[in-house]
N, C-alpha and C. Protein backbone atom coordinates (compact mmCIF):
# COMPACT_ATOMS: atom_id res chain seq x y z
N MET A 1 0.82 -1.19 0.00
CA MET A 1 0.00 0.00 0.00
C MET A 1 0.87 1.26 0.00
N GLY A 2 2.03 1.20 0.67
CA GLY A 2 2.93 2.35 0.71
C GLY A 2 3.46 2.71 -0.66
N ARG A 3 3.73 1.70 -1.47
CA ARG A 3 4.25 1.95 -2.81
C ARG A 3 3.22 2.68 -3.66
N LEU A 4 1.96 2.39 -3.44
CA LEU A 4 0.90 3.05 -4.19
C LEU A 4 0.88 4.55 -3.88
N TRP A 5 1.06 4.91 -2.61
CA TRP A 5 1.10 6.32 -2.23
C TRP A 5 2.30 7.02 -2.86
N VAL A 6 3.44 6.36 -2.84
CA VAL A 6 4.65 6.94 -3.44
C VAL A 6 4.43 7.16 -4.94
N LEU A 7 3.85 6.19 -5.60
CA LEU A 7 3.58 6.31 -7.03
C LEU A 7 2.58 7.44 -7.31
N LEU A 8 1.55 7.55 -6.50
CA LEU A 8 0.55 8.60 -6.67
C LEU A 8 1.18 9.98 -6.48
N ILE A 9 1.99 10.15 -5.46
CA ILE A 9 2.66 11.43 -5.23
C ILE A 9 3.61 11.75 -6.38
N PHE A 10 4.32 10.75 -6.86
CA PHE A 10 5.24 10.95 -7.98
C PHE A 10 4.48 11.42 -9.23
N VAL A 11 3.36 10.79 -9.53
CA VAL A 11 2.57 11.15 -10.71
C VAL A 11 2.03 12.58 -10.56
N ILE A 12 1.55 12.93 -9.39
CA ILE A 12 1.04 14.29 -9.16
C ILE A 12 2.16 15.31 -9.33
N ASP A 13 3.34 15.00 -8.80
CA ASP A 13 4.48 15.91 -8.95
C ASP A 13 4.85 16.09 -10.43
N VAL A 14 4.91 15.01 -11.17
CA VAL A 14 5.26 15.10 -12.59
C VAL A 14 4.22 15.92 -13.35
N LEU A 15 2.95 15.70 -13.07
CA LEU A 15 1.91 16.47 -13.74
C LEU A 15 2.00 17.96 -13.39
N ALA A 16 2.29 18.25 -12.14
CA ALA A 16 2.43 19.65 -11.73
C ALA A 16 3.63 20.30 -12.43
N ILE A 17 4.73 19.59 -12.51
CA ILE A 17 5.92 20.14 -13.18
C ILE A 17 5.65 20.35 -14.67
N LEU A 18 4.96 19.43 -15.31
CA LEU A 18 4.61 19.61 -16.72
C LEU A 18 3.70 20.82 -16.90
N ASP A 19 2.77 21.02 -15.96
CA ASP A 19 1.89 22.17 -16.04
C ASP A 19 2.67 23.47 -15.86
N VAL A 20 3.64 23.47 -14.97
CA VAL A 20 4.48 24.66 -14.77
C VAL A 20 5.17 25.02 -16.08
N TRP A 21 5.72 24.05 -16.76
CA TRP A 21 6.50 24.33 -17.97
C TRP A 21 5.63 24.63 -19.18
N LYS A 22 4.33 24.33 -19.12
CA LYS A 22 3.42 24.68 -20.21
C LYS A 22 3.02 26.15 -20.14
N ARG A 23 3.07 26.73 -18.97
CA ARG A 23 2.65 28.12 -18.78
C ARG A 23 3.68 29.08 -19.35
N GLU A 24 3.22 30.27 -19.71
CA GLU A 24 4.11 31.27 -20.29
C GLU A 24 4.63 32.21 -19.20
N TYR A 25 5.33 31.65 -18.24
CA TYR A 25 5.98 32.42 -17.20
C TYR A 25 7.45 32.58 -17.53
N SER A 26 8.12 33.45 -16.81
CA SER A 26 9.55 33.62 -17.04
C SER A 26 10.29 32.35 -16.62
N MET A 27 11.49 32.22 -17.11
CA MET A 27 12.31 31.05 -16.81
C MET A 27 12.57 30.95 -15.31
N GLU A 28 12.76 32.09 -14.64
CA GLU A 28 13.03 32.08 -13.20
C GLU A 28 11.85 31.50 -12.43
N LYS A 29 10.63 31.91 -12.81
CA LYS A 29 9.45 31.40 -12.12
C LYS A 29 9.27 29.91 -12.37
N ARG A 30 9.52 29.49 -13.58
CA ARG A 30 9.40 28.06 -13.88
C ARG A 30 10.39 27.24 -13.06
N LEU A 31 11.63 27.69 -13.02
CA LEU A 31 12.65 26.97 -12.25
C LEU A 31 12.32 26.98 -10.76
N LEU A 32 11.88 28.12 -10.26
CA LEU A 32 11.52 28.21 -8.84
C LEU A 32 10.39 27.24 -8.50
N TRP A 33 9.34 27.22 -9.29
CA TRP A 33 8.24 26.31 -9.01
C TRP A 33 8.65 24.84 -9.15
N THR A 34 9.50 24.56 -10.10
CA THR A 34 9.99 23.19 -10.25
C THR A 34 10.75 22.75 -9.01
N VAL A 35 11.61 23.62 -8.49
CA VAL A 35 12.36 23.30 -7.28
C VAL A 35 11.42 23.13 -6.09
N VAL A 36 10.43 24.01 -5.97
CA VAL A 36 9.46 23.91 -4.86
C VAL A 36 8.72 22.58 -4.92
N ILE A 37 8.28 22.20 -6.09
CA ILE A 37 7.53 20.94 -6.24
C ILE A 37 8.41 19.74 -5.92
N ILE A 38 9.66 19.79 -6.33
CA ILE A 38 10.57 18.66 -6.06
C ILE A 38 10.92 18.57 -4.58
N LEU A 39 11.20 19.72 -3.96
CA LEU A 39 11.61 19.70 -2.55
C LEU A 39 10.44 19.48 -1.59
N LEU A 40 9.25 19.88 -1.98
CA LEU A 40 8.06 19.71 -1.14
C LEU A 40 7.02 18.91 -1.92
N PRO A 41 7.21 17.60 -2.03
CA PRO A 41 6.37 16.80 -2.94
C PRO A 41 4.89 16.76 -2.55
N LEU A 42 4.54 17.00 -1.32
CA LEU A 42 3.13 17.00 -0.95
C LEU A 42 2.53 18.41 -1.01
N VAL A 43 3.28 19.39 -0.57
CA VAL A 43 2.78 20.76 -0.49
C VAL A 43 2.97 21.51 -1.81
N GLY A 44 4.06 21.24 -2.52
CA GLY A 44 4.38 21.96 -3.74
C GLY A 44 3.30 21.92 -4.81
N PRO A 45 2.81 20.75 -5.19
CA PRO A 45 1.76 20.70 -6.22
C PRO A 45 0.46 21.37 -5.76
N VAL A 46 0.14 21.24 -4.49
CA VAL A 46 -1.08 21.89 -3.98
C VAL A 46 -0.92 23.41 -4.04
N ALA A 47 0.24 23.91 -3.63
CA ALA A 47 0.49 25.35 -3.69
C ALA A 47 0.45 25.83 -5.13
N TRP A 48 1.06 25.08 -6.04
CA TRP A 48 1.05 25.46 -7.45
C TRP A 48 -0.38 25.53 -7.97
N TYR A 49 -1.19 24.55 -7.66
CA TYR A 49 -2.57 24.53 -8.13
C TYR A 49 -3.34 25.74 -7.60
N LEU A 50 -3.22 26.00 -6.31
CA LEU A 50 -3.98 27.09 -5.70
C LEU A 50 -3.53 28.46 -6.22
N ILE A 51 -2.24 28.64 -6.40
CA ILE A 51 -1.73 29.93 -6.85
C ILE A 51 -1.92 30.11 -8.36
N SER A 52 -1.68 29.07 -9.14
CA SER A 52 -1.80 29.22 -10.60
C SER A 52 -3.25 29.38 -11.04
N ARG A 53 -4.17 28.83 -10.29
CA ARG A 53 -5.59 28.97 -10.61
C ARG A 53 -6.20 30.22 -9.96
N LYS A 54 -5.35 31.01 -9.33
CA LYS A 54 -5.73 32.26 -8.67
C LYS A 54 -6.78 32.05 -7.58
N ILE A 55 -6.73 30.88 -6.93
CA ILE A 55 -7.58 30.62 -5.78
C ILE A 55 -7.01 31.38 -4.57
N ILE A 56 -5.67 31.47 -4.51
CA ILE A 56 -4.99 32.25 -3.50
C ILE A 56 -4.16 33.31 -4.22
N ASN A 57 -4.33 34.55 -3.84
CA ASN A 57 -3.56 35.65 -4.46
C ASN A 57 -2.34 35.96 -3.60
N ILE A 58 -1.19 35.94 -4.24
CA ILE A 58 0.05 36.30 -3.53
C ILE A 58 0.66 37.49 -4.24
């Protein structure tokens, strides 16, 4: 069961990183978000989703 969670988190991270690189942001923002998603695999994709969809304004 643990392997399933690891696989699910990995897939979510990859999808979030692909979404970051599809957007027309500057290279610095893309790299920053990629690092955030990699270093914070549970929080990073959630933060990216909330901020990129303008659910949370920063």
